[in-house]
Amino acid sequence: TFRLDRVQHARLLDTSFKPPKNFDALDYLLTAIANLPGVWHIEVLLKLSLEEARTRVPADVAVLEQEPDGVMLRSHSDTLEWMARFLVGLRCPLVVYQPPELRDALRQLAQSIFEMAEAPAL
């Protein structure tokens, strides 16, 4: 993928290109964005139907695949803290497969939320 605003020169060629039948450019782009490399490779099983997962997870955030026990979310993230907040926001049961450090980030987020809930009112 590339950004048109960064194209500096173009020239017409004698050859042509025919896109594959039923090619969905937007779907291809969103999948490419969701697969951009990051520091952490994420694999989490969401205990949702594929249809429900698609309503909660933007296509440019992760690739979703139907599994027997739910939906596998595959993504990349530069920070586990962001991914932990994102996953909690999905409000569904889940199982973290990769990376194991994501479990620690979820625990730290849970502890932070607990401390906020226990803080005395002023």
PDB file of N, CA and C in Angstrom:
ATOM      1  N   THR A   1       0.848  -1.183   0.000  1.00  0.00           N
ATOM      2  CA  THR A   1       0.000   0.000   0.000  1.00  0.00           C
ATOM      3  C   THR A   1       0.883   1.233   0.000  1.00  0.00           C
ATOM      4  N   PHE A   2       0.382   2.300  -0.507  1.00  0.00           N
ATOM      5  CA  PHE A   2       1.118   3.550  -0.532  1.00  0.00           C
ATOM      6  C   PHE A   2       0.138   4.710  -0.462  1.00  0.00           C
ATOM      7  N   ARG A   3       0.679   5.875  -0.111  1.00  0.00           N
ATOM      8  CA  ARG A   3      -0.142   7.077  -0.017  1.00  0.00           C
ATOM      9  C   ARG A   3       0.011   7.884  -1.297  1.00  0.00           C
ATOM     10  N   LEU A   4      -1.088   8.222  -1.917  1.00  0.00           N
ATOM     11  CA  LEU A   4      -1.043   8.989  -3.155  1.00  0.00           C
ATOM     12  C   LEU A   4      -0.429  10.372  -2.955  1.00  0.00           C
ATOM     13  N   ASP A   5      -0.578  10.953  -1.775  1.00  0.00           N
ATOM     14  CA  ASP A   5      -0.032  12.288  -1.558  1.00  0.00           C
ATOM     15  C   ASP A   5       1.497  12.290  -1.513  1.00  0.00           C
ATOM     16  N   ARG A   6       2.105  11.108  -1.500  1.00  0.00           N
ATOM     17  CA  ARG A   6       3.564  11.020  -1.507  1.00  0.00           C
ATOM     18  C   ARG A   6       4.130  10.684  -2.894  1.00  0.00           C
ATOM     19  N   VAL A   7       3.272  10.458  -3.872  1.00  0.00           N
ATOM     20  CA  VAL A   7       3.730  10.173  -5.229  1.00  0.00           C
ATOM     21  C   VAL A   7       4.266  11.472  -5.823  1.00  0.00           C
ATOM     22  N   GLN A   8       5.511  11.413  -6.263  1.00  0.00           N
ATOM     23  CA  GLN A   8       6.138  12.621  -6.824  1.00  0.00           C
ATOM     24  C   GLN A   8       6.127  12.619  -8.349  1.00  0.00           C
ATOM     25  N   HIS A   9       6.156  11.437  -8.958  1.00  0.00           N
ATOM     26  CA  HIS A   9       6.165  11.337 -10.416  1.00  0.00           C
ATOM     27  C   HIS A   9       5.344  10.121 -10.832  1.00  0.00           C
ATOM     28  N   ALA A  10       4.745  10.224 -12.005  1.00  0.00           N
ATOM     29  CA  ALA A  10       4.016   9.091 -12.575  1.00  0.00           C
ATOM     30  C   ALA A  10       4.238   9.094 -14.077  1.00  0.00           C
ATOM     31  N   ARG A  11       4.223   7.904 -14.673  1.00  0.00           N
ATOM     32  CA  ARG A  11       4.342   7.823 -16.124  1.00  0.00           C
ATOM     33  C   ARG A  11       3.452   6.687 -16.611  1.00  0.00           C
ATOM     34  N   LEU A  12       2.914   6.861 -17.784  1.00  0.00           N
ATOM     35  CA  LEU A  12       2.022   5.881 -18.390  1.00  0.00           C
ATOM     36  C   LEU A  12       2.856   4.802 -19.065  1.00  0.00           C
ATOM     37  N   LEU A  13       2.542   3.536 -18.793  1.00  0.00           N
ATOM     38  CA  LEU A  13       3.242   2.408 -19.397  1.00  0.00           C
ATOM     39  C   LEU A  13       2.377   1.769 -20.473  1.00  0.00           C
ATOM     40  N   ASP A  14       3.001   0.995 -21.332  1.00  0.00           N
ATOM     41  CA  ASP A  14       2.268   0.281 -22.368  1.00  0.00           C
ATOM     42  C   ASP A  14       1.567  -0.963 -21.822  1.00  0.00           C
ATOM     43  N   THR A  15       2.023  -1.451 -20.677  1.00  0.00           N
ATOM     44  CA  THR A  15       1.424  -2.638 -20.082  1.00  0.00           C
ATOM     45  C   THR A  15       0.198  -2.256 -19.265  1.00  0.00           C
ATOM     46  N   SER A  16      -0.627  -3.243 -18.988  1.00  0.00           N
ATOM     47  CA  SER A  16      -1.829  -2.976 -18.185  1.00  0.00           C
ATOM     48  C   SER A  16      -1.903  -3.982 -17.048  1.00  0.00           C
ATOM     49  N   PHE A  17      -2.793  -3.719 -16.147  1.00  0.00           N
ATOM     50  CA  PHE A  17      -2.993  -4.572 -14.976  1.00  0.00           C
ATOM     51  C   PHE A  17      -4.474  -4.831 -14.847  1.00  0.00           C
ATOM     52  N   LYS A  18      -4.799  -6.088 -14.626  1.00  0.00           N
ATOM     53  CA  LYS A  18      -6.200  -6.445 -14.402  1.00  0.00           C
ATOM     54  C   LYS A  18      -6.297  -6.988 -12.981  1.00  0.00           C
ATOM     55  N   PRO A  19      -7.078  -6.325 -12.106  1.00  0.00           N
ATOM     56  CA  PRO A  19      -7.194  -6.808 -10.723  1.00  0.00           C
ATOM     57  C   PRO A  19      -7.866  -8.179 -10.673  1.00  0.00           C
ATOM     58  N   PRO A  20      -7.544  -8.964  -9.668  1.00  0.00           N
ATOM     59  CA  PRO A  20      -8.195 -10.274  -9.528  1.00  0.00           C
ATOM     60  C   PRO A  20      -9.714 -10.113  -9.409  1.00  0.00           C
ATOM     61  N   LYS A  21     -10.420 -11.122  -9.870  1.00  0.00           N
ATOM     62  CA  LYS A  21     -11.881 -11.103  -9.793  1.00  0.00           C
ATOM     63  C   LYS A  21     -12.305 -11.004  -8.326  1.00  0.00           C
ATOM     64  N   ASN A  22     -13.320 -10.186  -8.052  1.00  0.00           N
ATOM     65  CA  ASN A  22     -13.871  -9.976  -6.706  1.00  0.00           C
ATOM     66  C   ASN A  22     -12.856  -9.371  -5.739  1.00  0.00           C
ATOM     67  N   PHE A  23     -11.856  -8.682  -6.249  1.00  0.00           N
ATOM     68  CA  PHE A  23     -10.867  -8.044  -5.380  1.00  0.00           C
ATOM     69  C   PHE A  23     -11.511  -6.870  -4.661  1.00  0.00           C
ATOM     70  N   ASP A  24     -11.362  -6.839  -3.341  1.00  0.00           N
ATOM     71  CA  ASP A  24     -11.917  -5.764  -2.505  1.00  0.00           C
ATOM     72  C   ASP A  24     -10.753  -4.927  -1.996  1.00  0.00           C
ATOM     73  N   ALA A  25     -10.534  -3.782  -2.622  1.00  0.00           N
ATOM     74  CA  ALA A  25      -9.389  -2.929  -2.281  1.00  0.00           C
ATOM     75  C   ALA A  25      -9.447  -2.459  -0.833  1.00  0.00           C
ATOM     76  N   LEU A  26     -10.621  -2.078  -0.354  1.00  0.00           N
ATOM     77  CA  LEU A  26     -10.731  -1.607   1.025  1.00  0.00           C
ATOM     78  C   LEU A  26     -10.416  -2.720   2.012  1.00  0.00           C
ATOM     79  N   ASP A  27     -10.954  -3.903   1.792  1.00  0.00           N
ATOM     80  CA  ASP A  27     -10.663  -5.038   2.667  1.00  0.00           C
ATOM     81  C   ASP A  27      -9.176  -5.354   2.652  1.00  0.00           C
ATOM     82  N   TYR A  28      -8.563  -5.314   1.484  1.00  0.00           N
ATOM     83  CA  TYR A  28      -7.125  -5.572   1.372  1.00  0.00           C
ATOM     84  C   TYR A  28      -6.334  -4.543   2.175  1.00  0.00           C
ATOM     85  N   LEU A  29      -6.699  -3.279   2.044  1.00  0.00           N
ATOM     86  CA  LEU A  29      -5.994  -2.213   2.760  1.00  0.00           C
ATOM     87  C   LEU A  29      -6.146  -2.371   4.270  1.00  0.00           C
ATOM     88  N   LEU A  30      -7.360  -2.606   4.756  1.00  0.00           N
ATOM     89  CA  LEU A  30      -7.581  -2.748   6.193  1.00  0.00           C
ATOM     90  C   LEU A  30      -6.832  -3.947   6.756  1.00  0.00           C
ATOM     91  N   THR A  31      -6.813  -5.047   6.015  1.00  0.00           N
ATOM     92  CA  THR A  31      -6.060  -6.230   6.455  1.00  0.00           C
ATOM     93  C   THR A  31      -4.569  -5.932   6.486  1.00  0.00           C
ATOM     94  N   ALA A  32      -4.084  -5.209   5.493  1.00  0.00           N
ATOM     95  CA  ALA A  32      -2.662  -4.844   5.462  1.00  0.00           C
ATOM     96  C   ALA A  32      -2.307  -3.964   6.657  1.00  0.00           C
ATOM     97  N   ILE A  33      -3.166  -3.016   6.995  1.00  0.00           N
ATOM     98  CA  ILE A  33      -2.913  -2.141   8.145  1.00  0.00           C
ATOM     99  C   ILE A  33      -2.921  -2.963   9.434  1.00  0.00           C
ATOM    100  N   ALA A  34      -3.886  -3.869   9.574  1.00  0.00           N
ATOM    101  CA  ALA A  34      -3.976  -4.696  10.782  1.00  0.00           C
ATOM    102  C   ALA A  34      -2.759  -5.603  10.932  1.00  0.00           C
ATOM    103  N   ASN A  35      -2.096  -5.922   9.822  1.00  0.00           N
ATOM    104  CA  ASN A  35      -0.926  -6.797   9.862  1.00  0.00           C
ATOM    105  C   ASN A  35       0.399  -6.047   9.889  1.00  0.00           C
ATOM    106  N   LEU A  36       0.348  -4.728  10.009  1.00  0.00           N
ATOM    107  CA  LEU A  36       1.602  -3.979  10.095  1.00  0.00           C
ATOM    108  C   LEU A  36       2.396  -4.468  11.303  1.00  0.00           C
ATOM    109  N   PRO A  37       3.678  -4.661  11.130  1.00  0.00           N
ATOM    110  CA  PRO A  37       4.468  -5.168  12.258  1.00  0.00           C
ATOM    111  C   PRO A  37       4.508  -4.169  13.406  1.00  0.00           C
ATOM    112  N   GLY A  38       4.610  -4.706  14.586  1.00  0.00           N
ATOM    113  CA  GLY A  38       4.749  -3.908  15.795  1.00  0.00           C
ATOM    114  C   GLY A  38       5.699  -4.633  16.727  1.00  0.00           C
ATOM    115  N   VAL A  39       5.914  -4.063  17.869  1.00  0.00           N
ATOM    116  CA  VAL A  39       6.824  -4.661  18.841  1.00  0.00           C
ATOM    117  C   VAL A  39       6.293  -6.012  19.314  1.00  0.00           C
ATOM    118  N   TRP A  40       4.980  -6.089  19.513  1.00  0.00           N
ATOM    119  CA  TRP A  40       4.359  -7.288  20.081  1.00  0.00           C
ATOM    120  C   TRP A  40       3.409  -7.924  19.079  1.00  0.00           C
ATOM    121  N   HIS A  41       3.514  -9.233  18.892  1.00  0.00           N
ATOM    122  CA  HIS A  41       2.545 -10.004  18.111  1.00  0.00           C
ATOM    123  C   HIS A  41       1.474 -10.492  19.092  1.00  0.00           C
ATOM    124  N   ILE A  42       0.232 -10.204  18.803  1.00  0.00           N
ATOM    125  CA  ILE A  42      -0.880 -10.489  19.708  1.00  0.00           C
ATOM    126  C   ILE A  42      -1.749 -11.604  19.128  1.00  0.00           C
ATOM    127  N   GLU A  43      -2.075 -12.591  19.966  1.00  0.00           N
ATOM    128  CA  GLU A  43      -3.060 -13.620  19.620  1.00  0.00           C
ATOM    129  C   GLU A  43      -3.945 -13.822  20.841  1.00  0.00           C
ATOM    130  N   VAL A  44      -5.226 -13.518  20.671  1.00  0.00           N
ATOM    131  CA  VAL A  44      -6.190 -13.620  21.763  1.00  0.00           C
ATOM    132  C   VAL A  44      -7.459 -14.261  21.221  1.00  0.00           C
ATOM    133  N   LEU A  45      -7.965 -15.248  21.938  1.00  0.00           N
ATOM    134  CA  LEU A  45      -9.225 -15.880  21.568  1.00  0.00           C
ATOM    135  C   LEU A  45     -10.359 -15.130  22.246  1.00  0.00           C
ATOM    136  N   LEU A  46     -11.258 -14.577  21.445  1.00  0.00           N
ATOM    137  CA  LEU A  46     -12.435 -13.878  21.964  1.00  0.00           C
ATOM    138  C   LEU A  46     -13.591 -14.860  22.020  1.00  0.00           C
ATOM    139  N   LYS A  47     -14.278 -14.898  23.126  1.00  0.00           N
ATOM    140  CA  LYS A  47     -15.435 -15.793  23.288  1.00  0.00           C
ATOM    141  C   LYS A  47     -16.682 -15.070  22.783  1.00  0.00           C
ATOM    142  N   LEU A  48     -16.691 -14.846  21.474  1.00  0.00           N
ATOM    143  CA  LEU A  48     -17.784 -14.163  20.783  1.00  0.00           C
ATOM    144  C   LEU A  48     -18.036 -14.866  19.461  1.00  0.00           C
ATOM    145  N   SER A  49     -19.166 -14.568  18.853  1.00  0.00           N
ATOM    146  CA  SER A  49     -19.383 -15.004  17.483  1.00  0.00           C
ATOM    147  C   SER A  49     -18.566 -14.097  16.567  1.00  0.00           C
ATOM    148  N   LEU A  50     -18.283 -14.553  15.380  1.00  0.00           N
ATOM    149  CA  LEU A  50     -17.532 -13.749  14.423  1.00  0.00           C
ATOM    150  C   LEU A  50     -18.287 -12.465  14.096  1.00  0.00           C
ATOM    151  N   GLU A  51     -19.586 -12.556  13.971  1.00  0.00           N
ATOM    152  CA  GLU A  51     -20.398 -11.374  13.652  1.00  0.00           C
ATOM    153  C   GLU A  51     -20.286 -10.330  14.762  1.00  0.00           C
ATOM    154  N   GLU A  52     -20.379 -10.770  16.018  1.00  0.00           N
ATOM    155  CA  GLU A  52     -20.276  -9.839  17.140  1.00  0.00           C
ATOM    156  C   GLU A  52     -18.871  -9.263  17.230  1.00  0.00           C
ATOM    157  N   ALA A  53     -17.857 -10.083  17.024  1.00  0.00           N
ATOM    158  CA  ALA A  53     -16.472  -9.599  17.074  1.00  0.00           C
ATOM    159  C   ALA A  53     -16.252  -8.522  16.020  1.00  0.00           C
ATOM    160  N   ARG A  54     -16.814  -8.708  14.847  1.00  0.00           N
ATOM    161  CA  ARG A  54     -16.643  -7.714  13.775  1.00  0.00           C
ATOM    162  C   ARG A  54     -17.284  -6.377  14.119  1.00  0.00           C
ATOM    163  N   THR A  55     -18.333  -6.391  14.945  1.00  0.00           N
ATOM    164  CA  THR A  55     -18.950  -5.117  15.343  1.00  0.00           C
ATOM    165  C   THR A  55     -18.130  -4.403  16.418  1.00  0.00           C
ATOM    166  N   ARG A  56     -17.284  -5.132  17.136  1.00  0.00           N
ATOM    167  CA  ARG A  56     -16.512  -4.544  18.238  1.00  0.00           C
ATOM    168  C   ARG A  56     -15.059  -4.235  17.890  1.00  0.00           C
ATOM    169  N   VAL A  57     -14.508  -4.960  16.919  1.00  0.00           N
ATOM    170  CA  VAL A  57     -13.088  -4.815  16.586  1.00  0.00           C
ATOM    171  C   VAL A  57     -12.963  -4.171  15.210  1.00  0.00           C
ATOM    172  N   PRO A  58     -12.427  -2.954  15.140  1.00  0.00           N
ATOM    173  CA  PRO A  58     -12.238  -2.320  13.830  1.00  0.00           C
ATOM    174  C   PRO A  58     -11.320  -3.158  12.941  1.00  0.00           C
ATOM    175  N   ALA A  59     -11.636  -3.198  11.660  1.00  0.00           N
ATOM    176  CA  ALA A  59     -10.887  -4.037  10.715  1.00  0.00           C
ATOM    177  C   ALA A  59      -9.423  -3.635  10.604  1.00  0.00           C
ATOM    178  N   ASP A  60      -9.094  -2.380  10.901  1.00  0.00           N
ATOM    179  CA  ASP A  60      -7.692  -1.968  10.801  1.00  0.00           C
ATOM    180  C   ASP A  60      -6.910  -2.225  12.094  1.00  0.00           C
ATOM    181  N   VAL A  61      -7.568  -2.756  13.124  1.00  0.00           N
ATOM    182  CA  VAL A  61      -6.896  -3.047  14.396  1.00  0.00           C
ATOM    183  C   VAL A  61      -6.409  -4.487  14.437  1.00  0.00           C
ATOM    184  N   ALA A  62      -7.195  -5.409  13.897  1.00  0.00           N
ATOM    185  CA  ALA A  62      -6.842  -6.827  14.007  1.00  0.00           C
ATOM    186  C   ALA A  62      -7.500  -7.630  12.901  1.00  0.00           C
ATOM    187  N   VAL A  63      -6.907  -8.787  12.670  1.00  0.00           N
ATOM    188  CA  VAL A  63      -7.496  -9.771  11.772  1.00  0.00           C
ATOM    189  C   VAL A  63      -8.274 -10.761  12.649  1.00  0.00           C
ATOM    190  N   LEU A  64      -9.497 -11.052  12.263  1.00  0.00           N
ATOM    191  CA  LEU A  64     -10.358 -11.962  13.026  1.00  0.00           C
ATOM    192  C   LEU A  64     -10.573 -13.235  12.229  1.00  0.00           C
ATOM    193  N   GLU A  65     -10.423 -14.384  12.904  1.00  0.00           N
ATOM    194  CA  GLU A  65     -10.635 -15.669  12.248  1.00  0.00           C
ATOM    195  C   GLU A  65     -11.485 -16.562  13.139  1.00  0.00           C
ATOM    196  N   GLN A  66     -12.487 -17.186  12.540  1.00  0.00           N
ATOM    197  CA  GLN A  66     -13.357 -18.104  13.277  1.00  0.00           C
ATOM    198  C   GLN A  66     -12.562 -19.313  13.749  1.00  0.00           C
ATOM    199  N   GLU A  67     -12.739 -19.674  14.999  1.00  0.00           N
ATOM    200  CA  GLU A  67     -12.132 -20.857  15.613  1.00  0.00           C
ATOM    201  C   GLU A  67     -13.269 -21.666  16.238  1.00  0.00           C
ATOM    202  N   PRO A  68     -13.045 -22.933  16.559  1.00  0.00           N
ATOM    203  CA  PRO A  68     -14.119 -23.730  17.168  1.00  0.00           C
ATOM    204  C   PRO A  68     -14.661 -23.144  18.474  1.00  0.00           C
ATOM    205  N   ASP A  69     -13.792 -22.517  19.286  1.00  0.00           N
ATOM    206  CA  ASP A  69     -14.218 -22.010  20.589  1.00  0.00           C
ATOM    207  C   ASP A  69     -14.460 -20.505  20.626  1.00  0.00           C
ATOM    208  N   GLY A  70     -14.421 -19.838  19.485  1.00  0.00           N
ATOM    209  CA  GLY A  70     -14.606 -18.392  19.464  1.00  0.00           C
ATOM    210  C   GLY A  70     -13.957 -17.794  18.238  1.00  0.00           C
ATOM    211  N   VAL A  71     -13.391 -16.609  18.414  1.00  0.00           N
ATOM    212  CA  VAL A  71     -12.774 -15.876  17.311  1.00  0.00           C
ATOM    213  C   VAL A  71     -11.348 -15.520  17.705  1.00  0.00           C
ATOM    214  N   MET A  72     -10.395 -15.897  16.857  1.00  0.00           N
ATOM    215  CA  MET A  72      -9.004 -15.551  17.119  1.00  0.00           C
ATOM    216  C   MET A  72      -8.741 -14.134  16.613  1.00  0.00           C
ATOM    217  N   LEU A  73      -8.258 -13.289  17.497  1.00  0.00           N
ATOM    218  CA  LEU A  73      -7.854 -11.942  17.167  1.00  0.00           C
ATOM    219  C   LEU A  73      -6.342 -11.964  17.009  1.00  0.00           C
ATOM    220  N   ARG A  74      -5.846 -11.556  15.848  1.00  0.00           N
ATOM    221  CA  ARG A  74      -4.402 -11.462  15.607  1.00  0.00           C
ATOM    222  C   ARG A  74      -4.087 -10.028  15.242  1.00  0.00           C
ATOM    223  N   SER A  75      -3.083  -9.491  15.934  1.00  0.00           N
ATOM    224  CA  SER A  75      -2.737  -8.098  15.721  1.00  0.00           C
ATOM    225  C   SER A  75      -1.289  -7.874  16.132  1.00  0.00           C
ATOM    226  N   HIS A  76      -0.859  -6.653  16.005  1.00  0.00           N
ATOM    227  CA  HIS A  76       0.448  -6.222  16.486  1.00  0.00           C
ATOM    228  C   HIS A  76       0.232  -4.929  17.256  1.00  0.00           C
ATOM    229  N   SER A  77       1.074  -4.722  18.248  1.00  0.00           N
ATOM    230  CA  SER A  77       0.955  -3.505  19.044  1.00  0.00           C
ATOM    231  C   SER A  77       2.337  -3.066  19.500  1.00  0.00           C
ATOM    232  N   ASP A  78       2.512  -1.768  19.573  1.00  0.00           N
ATOM    233  CA  ASP A  78       3.777  -1.251  20.092  1.00  0.00           C
ATOM    234  C   ASP A  78       3.784  -1.241  21.613  1.00  0.00           C
ATOM    235  N   THR A  79       2.595  -1.221  22.227  1.00  0.00           N
ATOM    236  CA  THR A  79       2.524  -1.243  23.690  1.00  0.00           C
ATOM    237  C   THR A  79       1.471  -2.234  24.146  1.00  0.00           C
ATOM    238  N   LEU A  80       1.816  -3.014  25.136  1.00  0.00           N
ATOM    239  CA  LEU A  80       0.862  -3.967  25.694  1.00  0.00           C
ATOM    240  C   LEU A  80      -0.191  -3.255  26.529  1.00  0.00           C
ATOM    241  N   GLU A  81       0.136  -2.112  27.106  1.00  0.00           N
ATOM    242  CA  GLU A  81      -0.835  -1.362  27.895  1.00  0.00           C
ATOM    243  C   GLU A  81      -2.015  -0.935  27.026  1.00  0.00           C
ATOM    244  N   TRP A  82      -1.719  -0.461  25.812  1.00  0.00           N
ATOM    245  CA  TRP A  82      -2.797  -0.064  24.902  1.00  0.00           C
ATOM    246  C   TRP A  82      -3.661  -1.266  24.557  1.00  0.00           C
ATOM    247  N   MET A  83      -3.020  -2.391  24.227  1.00  0.00           N
ATOM    248  CA  MET A  83      -3.779  -3.583  23.850  1.00  0.00           C
ATOM    249  C   MET A  83      -4.623  -4.079  25.020  1.00  0.00           C
ATOM    250  N   ALA A  84      -4.091  -4.016  26.241  1.00  0.00           N
ATOM    251  CA  ALA A  84      -4.870  -4.439  27.416  1.00  0.00           C
ATOM    252  C   ALA A  84      -6.125  -3.578  27.547  1.00  0.00           C
ATOM    253  N   ARG A  85      -5.989  -2.260  27.407  1.00  0.00           N
ATOM    254  CA  ARG A  85      -7.157  -1.372  27.492  1.00  0.00           C
ATOM    255  C   ARG A  85      -8.149  -1.672  26.375  1.00  0.00           C
ATOM    256  N   PHE A  86      -7.633  -1.915  25.175  1.00  0.00           N
ATOM    257  CA  PHE A  86      -8.510  -2.230  24.053  1.00  0.00           C
ATOM    258  C   PHE A  86      -9.298  -3.508  24.322  1.00  0.00           C
ATOM    259  N   LEU A  87      -8.608  -4.549  24.779  1.00  0.00           N
ATOM    260  CA  LEU A  87      -9.270  -5.832  25.028  1.00  0.00           C
ATOM    261  C   LEU A  87     -10.316  -5.730  26.128  1.00  0.00           C
ATOM    262  N   VAL A  88     -10.008  -5.015  27.197  1.00  0.00           N
ATOM    263  CA  VAL A  88     -10.987  -4.836  28.276  1.00  0.00           C
ATOM    264  C   VAL A  88     -12.217  -4.105  27.749  1.00  0.00           C
ATOM    265  N   GLY A  89     -11.993  -3.153  26.850  1.00  0.00           N
ATOM    266  CA  GLY A  89     -13.099  -2.406  26.266  1.00  0.00           C
ATOM    267  C   GLY A  89     -14.028  -3.250  25.412  1.00  0.00           C
ATOM    268  N   LEU A  90     -13.569  -4.425  24.975  1.00  0.00           N
ATOM    269  CA  LEU A  90     -14.435  -5.307  24.192  1.00  0.00           C
ATOM    270  C   LEU A  90     -15.532  -5.933  25.039  1.00  0.00           C
ATOM    271  N   ARG A  91     -15.302  -5.979  26.353  1.00  0.00           N
ATOM    272  CA  ARG A  91     -16.296  -6.477  27.306  1.00  0.00           C
ATOM    273  C   ARG A  91     -16.780  -7.886  26.943  1.00  0.00           C
ATOM    274  N   CYS A  92     -15.820  -8.786  26.793  1.00  0.00           N
ATOM    275  CA  CYS A  92     -16.167 -10.180  26.521  1.00  0.00           C
ATOM    276  C   CYS A  92     -15.115 -11.083  27.146  1.00  0.00           C
ATOM    277  N   PRO A  93     -15.470 -12.327  27.439  1.00  0.00           N
ATOM    278  CA  PRO A  93     -14.462 -13.275  27.917  1.00  0.00           C
ATOM    279  C   PRO A  93     -13.415 -13.494  26.827  1.00  0.00           C
ATOM    280  N   LEU A  94     -12.180 -13.712  27.258  1.00  0.00           N
ATOM    281  CA  LEU A  94     -11.107 -13.923  26.294  1.00  0.00           C
ATOM    282  C   LEU A  94      -9.995 -14.763  26.900  1.00  0.00           C
ATOM    283  N   VAL A  95      -9.151 -15.307  26.029  1.00  0.00           N
ATOM    284  CA  VAL A  95      -7.994 -16.100  26.438  1.00  0.00           C
ATOM    285  C   VAL A  95      -6.789 -15.547  25.703  1.00  0.00           C
ATOM    286  N   VAL A  96      -5.769 -15.137  26.450  1.00  0.00           N
ATOM    287  CA  VAL A  96      -4.541 -14.617  25.845  1.00  0.00           C
ATOM    288  C   VAL A  96      -3.625 -15.784  25.501  1.00  0.00           C
ATOM    289  N   TYR A  97      -3.254 -15.874  24.228  1.00  0.00           N
ATOM    290  CA  TYR A  97      -2.295 -16.889  23.785  1.00  0.00           C
ATOM    291  C   TYR A  97      -0.896 -16.288  23.635  1.00  0.00           C
ATOM    292  N   GLN A  98      -0.813 -15.125  23.018  1.00  0.00           N
ATOM    293  CA  GLN A  98       0.482 -14.475  22.790  1.00  0.00           C
ATOM    294  C   GLN A  98       0.342 -12.983  22.960  1.00  0.00           C
ATOM    295  N   PRO A  99       1.281 -12.320  23.496  1.00  0.00           N
ATOM    296  CA  PRO A  99       2.419 -12.816  24.264  1.00  0.00           C
ATOM    297  C   PRO A  99       2.008 -13.020  25.716  1.00  0.00           C
ATOM    298  N   PRO A 100       2.735 -13.834  26.463  1.00  0.00           N
ATOM    299  CA  PRO A 100       2.377 -14.032  27.876  1.00  0.00           C
ATOM    300  C   PRO A 100       2.447 -12.724  28.676  1.00  0.00           C
ATOM    301  N   GLU A 101       3.264 -11.792  28.243  1.00  0.00           N
ATOM    302  CA  GLU A 101       3.375 -10.497  28.942  1.00  0.00           C
ATOM    303  C   GLU A 101       2.080  -9.695  28.892  1.00  0.00           C
ATOM    304  N   LEU A 102       1.206 -10.011  27.920  1.00  0.00           N
ATOM    305  CA  LEU A 102      -0.088  -9.322  27.852  1.00  0.00           C
ATOM    306  C   LEU A 102      -0.934  -9.644  29.071  1.00  0.00           C
ATOM    307  N   ARG A 103      -0.785 -10.834  29.612  1.00  0.00           N
ATOM    308  CA  ARG A 103      -1.510 -11.180  30.849  1.00  0.00           C
ATOM    309  C   ARG A 103      -1.088 -10.257  31.986  1.00  0.00           C
ATOM    310  N   ASP A 104       0.215  -9.964  32.076  1.00  0.00           N
ATOM    311  CA  ASP A 104       0.701  -9.035  33.100  1.00  0.00           C
ATOM    312  C   ASP A 104       0.122  -7.642  32.901  1.00  0.00           C
ATOM    313  N   ALA A 105       0.054  -7.200  31.655  1.00  0.00           N
ATOM    314  CA  ALA A 105      -0.519  -5.885  31.375  1.00  0.00           C
ATOM    315  C   ALA A 105      -1.991  -5.841  31.776  1.00  0.00           C
ATOM    316  N   LEU A 106      -2.725  -6.929  31.543  1.00  0.00           N
ATOM    317  CA  LEU A 106      -4.132  -6.995  31.967  1.00  0.00           C
ATOM    318  C   LEU A 106      -4.244  -6.963  33.487  1.00  0.00           C
ATOM    319  N   ARG A 107      -3.351  -7.686  34.182  1.00  0.00           N
ATOM    320  CA  ARG A 107      -3.362  -7.668  35.649  1.00  0.00           C
ATOM    321  C   ARG A 107      -3.080  -6.264  36.183  1.00  0.00           C
ATOM    322  N   GLN A 108      -2.099  -5.593  35.600  1.00  0.00           N
ATOM    323  CA  GLN A 108      -1.762  -4.233  36.047  1.00  0.00           C
ATOM    324  C   GLN A 108      -2.926  -3.277  35.806  1.00  0.00           C
ATOM    325  N   LEU A 109      -3.596  -3.420  34.677  1.00  0.00           N
ATOM    326  CA  LEU A 109      -4.765  -2.589  34.395  1.00  0.00           C
ATOM    327  C   LEU A 109      -5.875  -2.875  35.395  1.00  0.00           C
ATOM    328  N   ALA A 110      -6.110  -4.144  35.688  1.00  0.00           N
ATOM    329  CA  ALA A 110      -7.135  -4.514  36.663  1.00  0.00           C
ATOM    330  C   ALA A 110      -6.819  -3.932  38.037  1.00  0.00           C
ATOM    331  N   GLN A 111      -5.551  -3.994  38.435  1.00  0.00           N
ATOM    332  CA  GLN A 111      -5.143  -3.430  39.730  1.00  0.00           C
ATOM    333  C   GLN A 111      -5.369  -1.925  39.753  1.00  0.00           C
ATOM    334  N   SER A 112      -5.054  -1.256  38.666  1.00  0.00           N
ATOM    335  CA  SER A 112      -5.265   0.186  38.579  1.00  0.00           C
ATOM    336  C   SER A 112      -6.750   0.535  38.688  1.00  0.00           C
ATOM    337  N   ILE A 113      -7.587  -0.230  38.008  1.00  0.00           N
ATOM    338  CA  ILE A 113      -9.039  -0.001  38.073  1.00  0.00           C
ATOM    339  C   ILE A 113      -9.544  -0.255  39.491  1.00  0.00           C
ATOM    340  N   PHE A 114      -9.071  -1.322  40.118  1.00  0.00           N
ATOM    341  CA  PHE A 114      -9.463  -1.635  41.487  1.00  0.00           C
ATOM    342  C   PHE A 114      -9.094  -0.482  42.421  1.00  0.00           C
ATOM    343  N   GLU A 115      -7.882   0.042  42.283  1.00  0.00           N
ATOM    344  CA  GLU A 115      -7.442   1.142  43.141  1.00  0.00           C
ATOM    345  C   GLU A 115      -8.281   2.389  42.925  1.00  0.00           C
ATOM    346  N   MET A 116      -8.688   2.656  41.674  1.00  0.00           N
ATOM    347  CA  MET A 116      -9.553   3.803  41.414  1.00  0.00           C
ATOM    348  C   MET A 116     -10.904   3.613  42.085  1.00  0.00           C
ATOM    349  N   ALA A 117     -11.434   2.386  42.016  1.00  0.00           N
ATOM    350  CA  ALA A 117     -12.740   2.111  42.612  1.00  0.00           C
ATOM    351  C   ALA A 117     -12.703   2.203  44.124  1.00  0.00           C
ATOM    352  N   GLU A 118     -11.564   1.895  44.725  1.00  0.00           N
ATOM    353  CA  GLU A 118     -11.425   1.915  46.183  1.00  0.00           C
ATOM    354  C   GLU A 118     -11.004   3.270  46.739  1.00  0.00           C
ATOM    355  N   ALA A 119     -10.624   4.197  45.869  1.00  0.00           N
ATOM    356  CA  ALA A 119     -10.167   5.502  46.338  1.00  0.00           C
ATOM    357  C   ALA A 119     -11.321   6.224  47.048  1.00  0.00           C
ATOM    358  N   PRO A 120     -11.029   6.816  48.191  1.00  0.00           N
ATOM    359  CA  PRO A 120     -12.099   7.508  48.918  1.00  0.00           C
ATOM    360  C   PRO A 120     -12.557   8.757  48.164  1.00  0.00           C
ATOM    361  N   ALA A 121     -13.839   9.035  48.259  1.00  0.00           N
ATOM    362  CA  ALA A 121     -14.387  10.247  47.666  1.00  0.00           C
ATOM    363  C   ALA A 121     -13.964  11.443  48.489  1.00  0.00           C
ATOM    364  N   LEU A 122     -13.666  12.527  47.833  1.00  0.00           N
ATOM    365  CA  LEU A 122     -13.257  13.744  48.563  1.00  0.00           C
ATOM    366  C   LEU A 122     -14.439  14.581  48.942  1.00  0.00           C
TER     367      LEU A 122
END
